[in-house]
Amino acid sequence: MRMFRGLPHSATRETPNFLMLGRELRLPDQLHYGRLVDSFTSTHEYVKIIHDRLVQAHTLLRERQREIATTDTTEPPLFNEGDLVWLVSKRRRKGENPKLAAKYVGPYRVLKSYNNHTYEVERY
């Protein structure tokens, strides 16, 4: 699990460690062979540096989220008005095994398509 937290995410281009902690964690190879040690003169200096890194990470993440949102609005809709579609069923009934329940319900007819791949549908 530690390995995945150290890999950059495809959407954010940052590691979860950096986004959550403001720094990268020491990995097993760095513990064994050592790494460059950050030298801080005081605890206050360390806290300020970590705070600045978290602010930087937050800013980078917000910029990346804006990029993704604008990219998503420029893509054409996947379905056109009048298309028949099936919806994922999230219904869970007491006493019924979800593995045997229908995964999709429908068909539904697409009435209107909006930005961000959002659709208005009605039962067909």
PDB file of N, CA and C in Angstrom:
ATOM      1  N   MET A   1       0.815  -1.189   0.000  1.00  0.00           N
ATOM      2  CA  MET A   1       0.000   0.000   0.000  1.00  0.00           C
ATOM      3  C   MET A   1       0.861   1.256   0.000  1.00  0.00           C
ATOM      4  N   ARG A   2       1.956   1.212   0.701  1.00  0.00           N
ATOM      5  CA  ARG A   2       2.839   2.370   0.781  1.00  0.00           C
ATOM      6  C   ARG A   2       3.335   2.763  -0.608  1.00  0.00           C
ATOM      7  N   MET A   3       3.533   1.752  -1.481  1.00  0.00           N
ATOM      8  CA  MET A   3       4.026   2.029  -2.821  1.00  0.00           C
ATOM      9  C   MET A   3       3.038   2.907  -3.591  1.00  0.00           C
ATOM     10  N   PHE A   4       1.727   2.628  -3.469  1.00  0.00           N
ATOM     11  CA  PHE A   4       0.727   3.375  -4.218  1.00  0.00           C
ATOM     12  C   PHE A   4       0.632   4.815  -3.752  1.00  0.00           C
ATOM     13  N   ARG A   5       0.857   5.065  -2.489  1.00  0.00           N
ATOM     14  CA  ARG A   5       0.795   6.433  -1.979  1.00  0.00           C
ATOM     15  C   ARG A   5       1.976   7.274  -2.441  1.00  0.00           C
ATOM     16  N   GLY A   6       3.011   6.607  -2.934  1.00  0.00           N
ATOM     17  CA  GLY A   6       4.193   7.312  -3.400  1.00  0.00           C
ATOM     18  C   GLY A   6       4.221   7.519  -4.902  1.00  0.00           C
ATOM     19  N   LEU A   7       3.205   7.034  -5.620  1.00  0.00           N
ATOM     20  CA  LEU A   7       3.144   7.192  -7.072  1.00  0.00           C
ATOM     21  C   LEU A   7       2.252   8.369  -7.441  1.00  0.00           C
ATOM     22  N   PRO A   8       2.659   9.180  -8.408  1.00  0.00           N
ATOM     23  CA  PRO A   8       1.819  10.307  -8.831  1.00  0.00           C
ATOM     24  C   PRO A   8       0.506   9.811  -9.442  1.00  0.00           C
ATOM     25  N   HIS A   9      -0.595  10.465  -9.112  1.00  0.00           N
ATOM     26  CA  HIS A   9      -1.902  10.128  -9.664  1.00  0.00           C
ATOM     27  C   HIS A   9      -1.994  10.701 -11.068  1.00  0.00           C
ATOM     28  N   SER A  10      -2.667   9.988 -11.963  1.00  0.00           N
ATOM     29  CA  SER A  10      -2.734  10.421 -13.360  1.00  0.00           C
ATOM     30  C   SER A  10      -3.482  11.745 -13.517  1.00  0.00           C
ATOM     31  N   ALA A  11      -4.479  12.005 -12.693  1.00  0.00           N
ATOM     32  CA  ALA A  11      -5.254  13.239 -12.826  1.00  0.00           C
ATOM     33  C   ALA A  11      -4.565  14.415 -12.158  1.00  0.00           C
ATOM     34  N   THR A  12      -4.033  14.220 -10.956  1.00  0.00           N
ATOM     35  CA  THR A  12      -3.455  15.342 -10.216  1.00  0.00           C
ATOM     36  C   THR A  12      -1.976  15.551 -10.499  1.00  0.00           C
ATOM     37  N   ARG A  13      -1.313  14.511 -10.963  1.00  0.00           N
ATOM     38  CA  ARG A  13       0.134  14.515 -11.231  1.00  0.00           C
ATOM     39  C   ARG A  13       0.947  14.712  -9.949  1.00  0.00           C
ATOM     40  N   GLU A  14       0.337  14.471  -8.811  1.00  0.00           N
ATOM     41  CA  GLU A  14       1.010  14.563  -7.514  1.00  0.00           C
ATOM     42  C   GLU A  14       0.778  13.271  -6.750  1.00  0.00           C
ATOM     43  N   THR A  15       1.660  12.981  -5.805  1.00  0.00           N
ATOM     44  CA  THR A  15       1.494  11.782  -4.992  1.00  0.00           C
ATOM     45  C   THR A  15       0.509  12.050  -3.863  1.00  0.00           C
ATOM     46  N   PRO A  16      -0.245  11.031  -3.449  1.00  0.00           N
ATOM     47  CA  PRO A  16      -1.125  11.214  -2.293  1.00  0.00           C
ATOM     48  C   PRO A  16      -0.358  11.641  -1.039  1.00  0.00           C
ATOM     49  N   ASN A  17       0.869  11.152  -0.872  1.00  0.00           N
ATOM     50  CA  ASN A  17       1.674  11.565   0.283  1.00  0.00           C
ATOM     51  C   ASN A  17       1.861  13.076   0.302  1.00  0.00           C
ATOM     52  N   PHE A  18       2.226  13.646  -0.833  1.00  0.00           N
ATOM     53  CA  PHE A  18       2.472  15.084  -0.905  1.00  0.00           C
ATOM     54  C   PHE A  18       1.189  15.871  -0.670  1.00  0.00           C
ATOM     55  N   LEU A  19       0.072  15.390  -1.246  1.00  0.00           N
ATOM     56  CA  LEU A  19      -1.186  16.114  -1.109  1.00  0.00           C
ATOM     57  C   LEU A  19      -1.724  16.053   0.314  1.00  0.00           C
ATOM     58  N   MET A  20      -1.483  14.953   1.024  1.00  0.00           N
ATOM     59  CA  MET A  20      -2.014  14.828   2.389  1.00  0.00           C
ATOM     60  C   MET A  20      -1.063  15.362   3.445  1.00  0.00           C
ATOM     61  N   LEU A  21       0.242  15.157   3.239  1.00  0.00           N
ATOM     62  CA  LEU A  21       1.205  15.460   4.291  1.00  0.00           C
ATOM     63  C   LEU A  21       2.116  16.641   3.991  1.00  0.00           C
ATOM     64  N   GLY A  22       2.163  17.064   2.731  1.00  0.00           N
ATOM     65  CA  GLY A  22       3.048  18.161   2.364  1.00  0.00           C
ATOM     66  C   GLY A  22       4.484  17.715   2.172  1.00  0.00           C
ATOM     67  N   ARG A  23       4.716  16.422   2.169  1.00  0.00           N
ATOM     68  CA  ARG A  23       6.060  15.880   1.982  1.00  0.00           C
ATOM     69  C   ARG A  23       5.939  14.443   1.506  1.00  0.00           C
ATOM     70  N   GLU A  24       7.020  13.909   1.029  1.00  0.00           N
ATOM     71  CA  GLU A  24       7.052  12.503   0.633  1.00  0.00           C
ATOM     72  C   GLU A  24       7.503  11.660   1.820  1.00  0.00           C
ATOM     73  N   LEU A  25       6.975  10.471   1.929  1.00  0.00           N
ATOM     74  CA  LEU A  25       7.368   9.578   3.011  1.00  0.00           C
ATOM     75  C   LEU A  25       8.696   8.909   2.691  1.00  0.00           C
ATOM     76  N   ARG A  26       9.372   8.481   3.724  1.00  0.00           N
ATOM     77  CA  ARG A  26      10.611   7.738   3.526  1.00  0.00           C
ATOM     78  C   ARG A  26      10.258   6.311   3.184  1.00  0.00           C
ATOM     79  N   LEU A  27      10.767   5.839   2.076  1.00  0.00           N
ATOM     80  CA  LEU A  27      10.506   4.485   1.612  1.00  0.00           C
ATOM     81  C   LEU A  27      11.556   3.537   2.174  1.00  0.00           C
ATOM     82  N   PRO A  28      11.298   2.220   2.142  1.00  0.00           N
ATOM     83  CA  PRO A  28      12.239   1.262   2.736  1.00  0.00           C
ATOM     84  C   PRO A  28      13.674   1.376   2.226  1.00  0.00           C
ATOM     85  N   ASP A  29      13.861   1.631   0.937  1.00  0.00           N
ATOM     86  CA  ASP A  29      15.229   1.756   0.429  1.00  0.00           C
ATOM     87  C   ASP A  29      15.932   2.980   1.012  1.00  0.00           C
ATOM     88  N   GLN A  30      15.182   4.043   1.269  1.00  0.00           N
ATOM     89  CA  GLN A  30      15.769   5.240   1.868  1.00  0.00           C
ATOM     90  C   GLN A  30      16.096   5.004   3.337  1.00  0.00           C
ATOM     91  N   LEU A  31      15.306   4.176   4.002  1.00  0.00           N
ATOM     92  CA  LEU A  31      15.607   3.842   5.392  1.00  0.00           C
ATOM     93  C   LEU A  31      16.884   3.016   5.483  1.00  0.00           C
ATOM     94  N   HIS A  32      17.085   2.121   4.519  1.00  0.00           N
ATOM     95  CA  HIS A  32      18.245   1.222   4.538  1.00  0.00           C
ATOM     96  C   HIS A  32      19.521   1.940   4.116  1.00  0.00           C
ATOM     97  N   TYR A  33      19.456   2.667   2.995  1.00  0.00           N
ATOM     98  CA  TYR A  33      20.656   3.303   2.449  1.00  0.00           C
ATOM     99  C   TYR A  33      20.818   4.751   2.884  1.00  0.00           C
ATOM    100  N   GLY A  34      19.775   5.305   3.471  1.00  0.00           N
ATOM    101  CA  GLY A  34      19.840   6.696   3.894  1.00  0.00           C
ATOM    102  C   GLY A  34      19.486   7.637   2.759  1.00  0.00           C
ATOM    103  N   ARG A  35      19.272   8.876   3.085  1.00  0.00           N
ATOM    104  CA  ARG A  35      18.969   9.916   2.094  1.00  0.00           C
ATOM    105  C   ARG A  35      19.460  11.242   2.644  1.00  0.00           C
ATOM    106  N   LEU A  36      19.364  12.260   1.835  1.00  0.00           N
ATOM    107  CA  LEU A  36      19.746  13.579   2.302  1.00  0.00           C
ATOM    108  C   LEU A  36      18.819  13.996   3.431  1.00  0.00           C
ATOM    109  N   VAL A  37      19.375  14.408   4.511  1.00  0.00           N
ATOM    110  CA  VAL A  37      18.594  14.794   5.680  1.00  0.00           C
ATOM    111  C   VAL A  37      18.272  16.279   5.595  1.00  0.00           C
ATOM    112  N   ASP A  38      16.983  16.589   5.787  1.00  0.00           N
ATOM    113  CA  ASP A  38      16.580  17.989   5.830  1.00  0.00           C
ATOM    114  C   ASP A  38      17.020  18.559   7.173  1.00  0.00           C
ATOM    115  N   SER A  39      17.706  19.676   7.117  1.00  0.00           N
ATOM    116  CA  SER A  39      18.152  20.275   8.378  1.00  0.00           C
ATOM    117  C   SER A  39      17.266  21.482   8.690  1.00  0.00           C
ATOM    118  N   PHE A  40      16.681  21.455   9.871  1.00  0.00           N
ATOM    119  CA  PHE A  40      15.826  22.539  10.316  1.00  0.00           C
ATOM    120  C   PHE A  40      16.412  23.100  11.603  1.00  0.00           C
ATOM    121  N   THR A  41      16.350  24.399  11.731  1.00  0.00           N
ATOM    122  CA  THR A  41      16.899  25.016  12.944  1.00  0.00           C
ATOM    123  C   THR A  41      15.917  24.950  14.109  1.00  0.00           C
ATOM    124  N   SER A  42      14.605  24.873  13.790  1.00  0.00           N
ATOM    125  CA  SER A  42      13.625  24.827  14.876  1.00  0.00           C
ATOM    126  C   SER A  42      12.366  24.106  14.410  1.00  0.00           C
ATOM    127  N   THR A  43      11.551  23.747  15.375  1.00  0.00           N
ATOM    128  CA  THR A  43      10.271  23.116  15.072  1.00  0.00           C
ATOM    129  C   THR A  43       9.372  24.100  14.331  1.00  0.00           C
ATOM    130  N   HIS A  44       9.428  25.371  14.709  1.00  0.00           N
ATOM    131  CA  HIS A  44       8.625  26.402  14.052  1.00  0.00           C
ATOM    132  C   HIS A  44       8.967  26.480  12.561  1.00  0.00           C
ATOM    133  N   GLU A  45      10.248  26.412  12.225  1.00  0.00           N
ATOM    134  CA  GLU A  45      10.674  26.454  10.816  1.00  0.00           C
ATOM    135  C   GLU A  45      10.124  25.244  10.061  1.00  0.00           C
ATOM    136  N   TYR A  46      10.185  24.066  10.675  1.00  0.00           N
ATOM    137  CA  TYR A  46       9.674  22.840  10.046  1.00  0.00           C
ATOM    138  C   TYR A  46       8.170  22.967   9.776  1.00  0.00           C
ATOM    139  N   VAL A  47       7.418  23.451  10.754  1.00  0.00           N
ATOM    140  CA  VAL A  47       5.971  23.608  10.602  1.00  0.00           C
ATOM    141  C   VAL A  47       5.664  24.607   9.496  1.00  0.00           C
ATOM    142  N   LYS A  48       6.404  25.689   9.420  1.00  0.00           N
ATOM    143  CA  LYS A  48       6.178  26.684   8.370  1.00  0.00           C
ATOM    144  C   LYS A  48       6.443  26.100   6.993  1.00  0.00           C
ATOM    145  N   ILE A  49       7.508  25.327   6.850  1.00  0.00           N
ATOM    146  CA  ILE A  49       7.826  24.713   5.557  1.00  0.00           C
ATOM    147  C   ILE A  49       6.738  23.731   5.144  1.00  0.00           C
ATOM    148  N   ILE A  50       6.280  22.899   6.082  1.00  0.00           N
ATOM    149  CA  ILE A  50       5.221  21.939   5.769  1.00  0.00           C
ATOM    150  C   ILE A  50       3.929  22.669   5.412  1.00  0.00           C
ATOM    151  N   HIS A  51       3.609  23.734   6.137  1.00  0.00           N
ATOM    152  CA  HIS A  51       2.414  24.523   5.834  1.00  0.00           C
ATOM    153  C   HIS A  51       2.498  25.099   4.426  1.00  0.00           C
ATOM    154  N   ASP A  52       3.643  25.667   4.061  1.00  0.00           N
ATOM    155  CA  ASP A  52       3.816  26.231   2.725  1.00  0.00           C
ATOM    156  C   ASP A  52       3.673  25.160   1.652  1.00  0.00           C
ATOM    157  N   ARG A  53       4.214  23.978   1.919  1.00  0.00           N
ATOM    158  CA  ARG A  53       4.096  22.877   0.948  1.00  0.00           C
ATOM    159  C   ARG A  53       2.646  22.438   0.781  1.00  0.00           C
ATOM    160  N   LEU A  54       1.886  22.391   1.878  1.00  0.00           N
ATOM    161  CA  LEU A  54       0.477  22.011   1.781  1.00  0.00           C
ATOM    162  C   LEU A  54      -0.328  23.056   1.017  1.00  0.00           C
ATOM    163  N   VAL A  55      -0.026  24.332   1.234  1.00  0.00           N
ATOM    164  CA  VAL A  55      -0.691  25.393   0.467  1.00  0.00           C
ATOM    165  C   VAL A  55      -0.361  25.241  -1.016  1.00  0.00           C
ATOM    166  N   GLN A  56       0.895  24.952  -1.330  1.00  0.00           N
ATOM    167  CA  GLN A  56       1.312  24.744  -2.713  1.00  0.00           C
ATOM    168  C   GLN A  56       0.586  23.533  -3.310  1.00  0.00           C
ATOM    169  N   ALA A  57       0.500  22.445  -2.562  1.00  0.00           N
ATOM    170  CA  ALA A  57      -0.185  21.243  -3.044  1.00  0.00           C
ATOM    171  C   ALA A  57      -1.658  21.530  -3.299  1.00  0.00           C
ATOM    172  N   HIS A  58      -2.286  22.268  -2.398  1.00  0.00           N
ATOM    173  CA  HIS A  58      -3.694  22.617  -2.556  1.00  0.00           C
ATOM    174  C   HIS A  58      -3.902  23.471  -3.812  1.00  0.00           C
ATOM    175  N   THR A  59      -3.033  24.427  -4.031  1.00  0.00           N
ATOM    176  CA  THR A  59      -3.122  25.290  -5.215  1.00  0.00           C
ATOM    177  C   THR A  59      -2.958  24.474  -6.497  1.00  0.00           C
ATOM    178  N   LEU A  60      -1.965  23.578  -6.523  1.00  0.00           N
ATOM    179  CA  LEU A  60      -1.758  22.733  -7.697  1.00  0.00           C
ATOM    180  C   LEU A  60      -2.969  21.849  -7.966  1.00  0.00           C
ATOM    181  N   LEU A  61      -3.537  21.294  -6.910  1.00  0.00           N
ATOM    182  CA  LEU A  61      -4.684  20.415  -7.061  1.00  0.00           C
ATOM    183  C   LEU A  61      -5.892  21.176  -7.588  1.00  0.00           C
ATOM    184  N   ARG A  62      -6.143  22.375  -7.072  1.00  0.00           N
ATOM    185  CA  ARG A  62      -7.259  23.189  -7.562  1.00  0.00           C
ATOM    186  C   ARG A  62      -7.094  23.544  -9.040  1.00  0.00           C
ATOM    187  N   GLU A  63      -5.870  23.886  -9.451  1.00  0.00           N
ATOM    188  CA  GLU A  63      -5.616  24.199 -10.857  1.00  0.00           C
ATOM    189  C   GLU A  63      -5.883  22.983 -11.734  1.00  0.00           C
ATOM    190  N   ARG A  64      -5.438  21.832 -11.285  1.00  0.00           N
ATOM    191  CA  ARG A  64      -5.634  20.600 -12.051  1.00  0.00           C
ATOM    192  C   ARG A  64      -7.121  20.260 -12.133  1.00  0.00           C
ATOM    193  N   GLN A  65      -7.873  20.473 -11.051  1.00  0.00           N
ATOM    194  CA  GLN A  65      -9.309  20.209 -11.070  1.00  0.00           C
ATOM    195  C   GLN A  65     -10.015  21.137 -12.058  1.00  0.00           C
ATOM    196  N   ARG A  66      -9.587  22.407 -12.131  1.00  0.00           N
ATOM    197  CA  ARG A  66     -10.170  23.329 -13.114  1.00  0.00           C
ATOM    198  C   ARG A  66      -9.882  22.871 -14.541  1.00  0.00           C
ATOM    199  N   GLU A  67      -8.653  22.391 -14.783  1.00  0.00           N
ATOM    200  CA  GLU A  67      -8.307  21.874 -16.108  1.00  0.00           C
ATOM    201  C   GLU A  67      -9.198  20.712 -16.490  1.00  0.00           C
ATOM    202  N   ILE A  68      -9.397  19.790 -15.560  1.00  0.00           N
ATOM    203  CA  ILE A  68     -10.227  18.614 -15.827  1.00  0.00           C
ATOM    204  C   ILE A  68     -11.671  19.028 -16.085  1.00  0.00           C
ATOM    205  N   ALA A  69     -12.180  19.970 -15.300  1.00  0.00           N
ATOM    206  CA  ALA A  69     -13.572  20.416 -15.468  1.00  0.00           C
ATOM    207  C   ALA A  69     -13.779  21.075 -16.815  1.00  0.00           C
ATOM    208  N   THR A  70     -12.830  21.901 -17.256  1.00  0.00           N
ATOM    209  CA  THR A  70     -12.995  22.562 -18.552  1.00  0.00           C
ATOM    210  C   THR A  70     -12.816  21.578 -19.693  1.00  0.00           C
ATOM    211  N   THR A  71     -11.952  20.593 -19.531  1.00  0.00           N
ATOM    212  CA  THR A  71     -11.777  19.570 -20.563  1.00  0.00           C
ATOM    213  C   THR A  71     -13.054  18.771 -20.714  1.00  0.00           C
ATOM    214  N   ASP A  72     -13.692  18.453 -19.586  1.00  0.00           N
ATOM    215  CA  ASP A  72     -14.908  17.645 -19.610  1.00  0.00           C
ATOM    216  C   ASP A  72     -16.051  18.383 -20.287  1.00  0.00           C
ATOM    217  N   THR A  73     -16.114  19.706 -20.158  1.00  0.00           N
ATOM    218  CA  THR A  73     -17.209  20.452 -20.779  1.00  0.00           C
ATOM    219  C   THR A  73     -16.997  20.617 -22.275  1.00  0.00           C
ATOM    220  N   THR A  74     -15.771  20.502 -22.742  1.00  0.00           N
ATOM    221  CA  THR A  74     -15.520  20.658 -24.170  1.00  0.00           C
ATOM    222  C   THR A  74     -15.713  19.359 -24.937  1.00  0.00           C
ATOM    223  N   GLU A  75     -15.807  18.229 -24.228  1.00  0.00           N
ATOM    224  CA  GLU A  75     -16.036  16.961 -24.905  1.00  0.00           C
ATOM    225  C   GLU A  75     -17.493  16.867 -25.334  1.00  0.00           C
ATOM    226  N   PRO A  76     -17.747  16.265 -26.499  1.00  0.00           N
ATOM    227  CA  PRO A  76     -19.142  16.114 -26.922  1.00  0.00           C
ATOM    228  C   PRO A  76     -19.848  15.077 -26.047  1.00  0.00           C
ATOM    229  N   PRO A  77     -21.164  15.173 -25.904  1.00  0.00           N
ATOM    230  CA  PRO A  77     -21.890  14.199 -25.094  1.00  0.00           C
ATOM    231  C   PRO A  77     -21.793  12.804 -25.707  1.00  0.00           C
ATOM    232  N   LEU A  78     -21.820  11.794 -24.849  1.00  0.00           N
ATOM    233  CA  LEU A  78     -21.731  10.412 -25.310  1.00  0.00           C
ATOM    234  C   LEU A  78     -23.038   9.928 -25.913  1.00  0.00           C
ATOM    235  N   PHE A  79     -24.161  10.480 -25.430  1.00  0.00           N
ATOM    236  CA  PHE A  79     -25.476  10.052 -25.900  1.00  0.00           C
ATOM    237  C   PHE A  79     -26.234  11.241 -26.461  1.00  0.00           C
ATOM    238  N   ASN A  80     -27.032  10.983 -27.478  1.00  0.00           N
ATOM    239  CA  ASN A  80     -27.834  12.025 -28.102  1.00  0.00           C
ATOM    240  C   ASN A  80     -29.273  11.912 -27.644  1.00  0.00           C
ATOM    241  N   GLU A  81     -30.052  12.979 -27.853  1.00  0.00           N
ATOM    242  CA  GLU A  81     -31.468  12.954 -27.494  1.00  0.00           C
ATOM    243  C   GLU A  81     -32.151  11.845 -28.284  1.00  0.00           C
ATOM    244  N   GLY A  82     -32.967  11.059 -27.593  1.00  0.00           N
ATOM    245  CA  GLY A  82     -33.686   9.960 -28.223  1.00  0.00           C
ATOM    246  C   GLY A  82     -32.994   8.609 -28.085  1.00  0.00           C
ATOM    247  N   ASP A  83     -31.727   8.600 -27.685  1.00  0.00           N
ATOM    248  CA  ASP A  83     -31.015   7.334 -27.488  1.00  0.00           C
ATOM    249  C   ASP A  83     -31.608   6.579 -26.309  1.00  0.00           C
ATOM    250  N   LEU A  84     -31.585   5.246 -26.395  1.00  0.00           N
ATOM    251  CA  LEU A  84     -32.022   4.408 -25.286  1.00  0.00           C
ATOM    252  C   LEU A  84     -30.802   3.984 -24.489  1.00  0.00           C
ATOM    253  N   VAL A  85     -30.891   4.122 -23.158  1.00  0.00           N
ATOM    254  CA  VAL A  85     -29.753   3.808 -22.288  1.00  0.00           C
ATOM    255  C   VAL A  85     -30.234   2.968 -21.105  1.00  0.00           C
ATOM    256  N   TRP A  86     -29.311   2.277 -20.477  1.00  0.00           N
ATOM    257  CA  TRP A  86     -29.551   1.528 -19.245  1.00  0.00           C
ATOM    258  C   TRP A  86     -28.812   2.235 -18.122  1.00  0.00           C
ATOM    259  N   LEU A  87     -29.398   2.285 -16.934  1.00  0.00           N
ATOM    260  CA  LEU A  87     -28.789   2.935 -15.781  1.00  0.00           C
ATOM    261  C   LEU A  87     -28.295   1.890 -14.794  1.00  0.00           C
ATOM    262  N   VAL A  88     -27.214   2.216 -14.097  1.00  0.00           N
ATOM    263  CA  VAL A  88     -26.695   1.335 -13.055  1.00  0.00           C
ATOM    264  C   VAL A  88     -27.671   1.346 -11.892  1.00  0.00           C
ATOM    265  N   SER A  89     -28.027   0.161 -11.415  1.00  0.00           N
ATOM    266  CA  SER A  89     -28.957   0.047 -10.302  1.00  0.00           C
ATOM    267  C   SER A  89     -28.188   0.020  -8.992  1.00  0.00           C
ATOM    268  N   LYS A  90     -28.496   0.954  -8.108  1.00  0.00           N
ATOM    269  CA  LYS A  90     -27.856   1.006  -6.791  1.00  0.00           C
ATOM    270  C   LYS A  90     -28.804   0.515  -5.702  1.00  0.00           C
ATOM    271  N   ARG A  91     -29.954  -0.006  -6.093  1.00  0.00           N
ATOM    272  CA  ARG A  91     -30.968  -0.450  -5.136  1.00  0.00           C
ATOM    273  C   ARG A  91     -30.506  -1.737  -4.452  1.00  0.00           C
ATOM    274  N   ARG A  92     -30.623  -1.745  -3.133  1.00  0.00           N
ATOM    275  CA  ARG A  92     -30.320  -2.934  -2.334  1.00  0.00           C
ATOM    276  C   ARG A  92     -31.565  -3.290  -1.539  1.00  0.00           C
ATOM    277  N   ARG A  93     -32.004  -4.507  -1.661  1.00  0.00           N
ATOM    278  CA  ARG A  93     -33.192  -4.945  -0.929  1.00  0.00           C
ATOM    279  C   ARG A  93     -32.775  -5.864   0.203  1.00  0.00           C
ATOM    280  N   LYS A  94     -33.420  -5.679   1.336  1.00  0.00           N
ATOM    281  CA  LYS A  94     -33.125  -6.495   2.506  1.00  0.00           C
ATOM    282  C   LYS A  94     -33.493  -7.953   2.216  1.00  0.00           C
ATOM    283  N   GLY A  95     -32.587  -8.844   2.538  1.00  0.00           N
ATOM    284  CA  GLY A  95     -32.829 -10.266   2.335  1.00  0.00           C
ATOM    285  C   GLY A  95     -32.513 -10.754   0.934  1.00  0.00           C
ATOM    286  N   GLU A  96     -32.050  -9.853   0.061  1.00  0.00           N
ATOM    287  CA  GLU A  96     -31.724 -10.233  -1.310  1.00  0.00           C
ATOM    288  C   GLU A  96     -30.221 -10.107  -1.519  1.00  0.00           C
ATOM    289  N   ASN A  97     -29.626 -11.133  -2.077  1.00  0.00           N
ATOM    290  CA  ASN A  97     -28.191 -11.122  -2.310  1.00  0.00           C
ATOM    291  C   ASN A  97     -27.870 -10.143  -3.441  1.00  0.00           C
ATOM    292  N   PRO A  98     -27.022  -9.127  -3.201  1.00  0.00           N
ATOM    293  CA  PRO A  98     -26.720  -8.145  -4.256  1.00  0.00           C
ATOM    294  C   PRO A  98     -25.972  -8.758  -5.446  1.00  0.00           C
ATOM    295  N   LYS A  99     -25.325  -9.871  -5.239  1.00  0.00           N
ATOM    296  CA  LYS A  99     -24.619 -10.505  -6.356  1.00  0.00           C
ATOM    297  C   LYS A  99     -25.590 -11.029  -7.405  1.00  0.00           C
ATOM    298  N   LEU A 100     -26.791 -11.383  -6.974  1.00  0.00           N
ATOM    299  CA  LEU A 100     -27.771 -11.942  -7.901  1.00  0.00           C
ATOM    300  C   LEU A 100     -28.750 -10.890  -8.421  1.00  0.00           C
ATOM    301  N   ALA A 101     -28.706  -9.696  -7.886  1.00  0.00           N
ATOM    302  CA  ALA A 101     -29.616  -8.629  -8.316  1.00  0.00           C
ATOM    303  C   ALA A 101     -29.195  -8.074  -9.670  1.00  0.00           C
ATOM    304  N   ALA A 102     -30.158  -7.490 -10.379  1.00  0.00           N
ATOM    305  CA  ALA A 102     -29.869  -6.885 -11.681  1.00  0.00           C
ATOM    306  C   ALA A 102     -28.943  -5.686 -11.501  1.00  0.00           C
ATOM    307  N   LYS A 103     -27.907  -5.610 -12.312  1.00  0.00           N
ATOM    308  CA  LYS A 103     -26.943  -4.518 -12.204  1.00  0.00           C
ATOM    309  C   LYS A 103     -27.423  -3.254 -12.911  1.00  0.00           C
ATOM    310  N   TYR A 104     -28.312  -3.412 -13.899  1.00  0.00           N
ATOM    311  CA  TYR A 104     -28.794  -2.271 -14.673  1.00  0.00           C
ATOM    312  C   TYR A 104     -30.316  -2.288 -14.717  1.00  0.00           C
ATOM    313  N   VAL A 105     -30.911  -1.089 -14.829  1.00  0.00           N
ATOM    314  CA  VAL A 105     -32.357  -0.960 -14.989  1.00  0.00           C
ATOM    315  C   VAL A 105     -32.621  -0.125 -16.232  1.00  0.00           C
ATOM    316  N   GLY A 106     -33.748  -0.370 -16.843  1.00  0.00           N
ATOM    317  CA  GLY A 106     -34.085   0.405 -18.024  1.00  0.00           C
ATOM    318  C   GLY A 106     -34.873  -0.426 -19.006  1.00  0.00           C
ATOM    319  N   PRO A 107     -34.971   0.012 -20.206  1.00  0.00           N
ATOM    320  CA  PRO A 107     -34.247   1.129 -20.809  1.00  0.00           C
ATOM    321  C   PRO A 107     -34.900   2.483 -20.500  1.00  0.00           C
ATOM    322  N   TYR A 108     -34.091   3.523 -20.617  1.00  0.00           N
ATOM    323  CA  TYR A 108     -34.523   4.904 -20.461  1.00  0.00           C
ATOM    324  C   TYR A 108     -34.210   5.648 -21.759  1.00  0.00           C
ATOM    325  N   ARG A 109     -35.027   6.649 -22.070  1.00  0.00           N
ATOM    326  CA  ARG A 109     -34.791   7.470 -23.256  1.00  0.00           C
ATOM    327  C   ARG A 109     -34.150   8.782 -22.811  1.00  0.00           C
ATOM    328  N   VAL A 110     -33.099   9.207 -23.515  1.00  0.00           N
ATOM    329  CA  VAL A 110     -32.420  10.469 -23.220  1.00  0.00           C
ATOM    330  C   VAL A 110     -33.278  11.607 -23.748  1.00  0.00           C
ATOM    331  N   LEU A 111     -33.710  12.500 -22.842  1.00  0.00           N
ATOM    332  CA  LEU A 111     -34.514  13.660 -23.238  1.00  0.00           C
ATOM    333  C   LEU A 111     -33.639  14.854 -23.582  1.00  0.00           C
ATOM    334  N   LYS A 112     -32.596  15.064 -22.787  1.00  0.00           N
ATOM    335  CA  LYS A 112     -31.742  16.223 -23.001  1.00  0.00           C
ATOM    336  C   LYS A 112     -30.355  15.916 -22.457  1.00  0.00           C
ATOM    337  N   SER A 113     -29.313  16.439 -23.097  1.00  0.00           N
ATOM    338  CA  SER A 113     -27.940  16.256 -22.611  1.00  0.00           C
ATOM    339  C   SER A 113     -27.377  17.605 -22.190  1.00  0.00           C
ATOM    340  N   TYR A 114     -26.655  17.598 -21.051  1.00  0.00           N
ATOM    341  CA  TYR A 114     -26.058  18.803 -20.485  1.00  0.00           C
ATOM    342  C   TYR A 114     -24.541  18.662 -20.484  1.00  0.00           C
ATOM    343  N   ASN A 115     -23.851  19.690 -19.974  1.00  0.00           N
ATOM    344  CA  ASN A 115     -22.391  19.624 -19.836  1.00  0.00           C
ATOM    345  C   ASN A 115     -22.001  18.550 -18.833  1.00  0.00           C
ATOM    346  N   ASN A 116     -20.732  18.174 -18.857  1.00  0.00           N
ATOM    347  CA  ASN A 116     -20.158  17.207 -17.919  1.00  0.00           C
ATOM    348  C   ASN A 116     -20.844  15.853 -17.984  1.00  0.00           C
ATOM    349  N   HIS A 117     -21.339  15.489 -19.155  1.00  0.00           N
ATOM    350  CA  HIS A 117     -21.958  14.174 -19.366  1.00  0.00           C
ATOM    351  C   HIS A 117     -23.106  13.925 -18.401  1.00  0.00           C
ATOM    352  N   THR A 118     -23.965  14.914 -18.256  1.00  0.00           N
ATOM    353  CA  THR A 118     -25.164  14.805 -17.441  1.00  0.00           C
ATOM    354  C   THR A 118     -26.357  14.775 -18.389  1.00  0.00           C
ATOM    355  N   TYR A 119     -27.324  13.897 -18.089  1.00  0.00           N
ATOM    356  CA  TYR A 119     -28.442  13.702 -19.001  1.00  0.00           C
ATOM    357  C   TYR A 119     -29.755  13.703 -18.239  1.00  0.00           C
ATOM    358  N   GLU A 120     -30.810  14.147 -18.910  1.00  0.00           N
ATOM    359  CA  GLU A 120     -32.162  14.032 -18.399  1.00  0.00           C
ATOM    360  C   GLU A 120     -32.784  12.854 -19.130  1.00  0.00           C
ATOM    361  N   VAL A 121     -33.327  11.899 -18.361  1.00  0.00           N
ATOM    362  CA  VAL A 121     -33.877  10.683 -18.978  1.00  0.00           C
ATOM    363  C   VAL A 121     -35.287  10.432 -18.462  1.00  0.00           C
ATOM    364  N   GLU A 122     -36.039   9.635 -19.215  1.00  0.00           N
ATOM    365  CA  GLU A 122     -37.352   9.171 -18.779  1.00  0.00           C
ATOM    366  C   GLU A 122     -37.476   7.699 -19.084  1.00  0.00           C
ATOM    367  N   ARG A 123     -38.309   7.015 -18.298  1.00  0.00           N
ATOM    368  CA  ARG A 123     -38.515   5.586 -18.497  1.00  0.00           C
ATOM    369  C   ARG A 123     -39.132   5.342 -19.867  1.00  0.00           C
ATOM    370  N   TYR A 124     -38.615   4.402 -20.620  1.00  0.00           N
ATOM    371  CA  TYR A 124     -39.103   4.114 -21.973  1.00  0.00           C
ATOM    372  C   TYR A 124     -40.273   3.174 -21.907  1.00  0.00           C
TER     373      TYR A 124
END
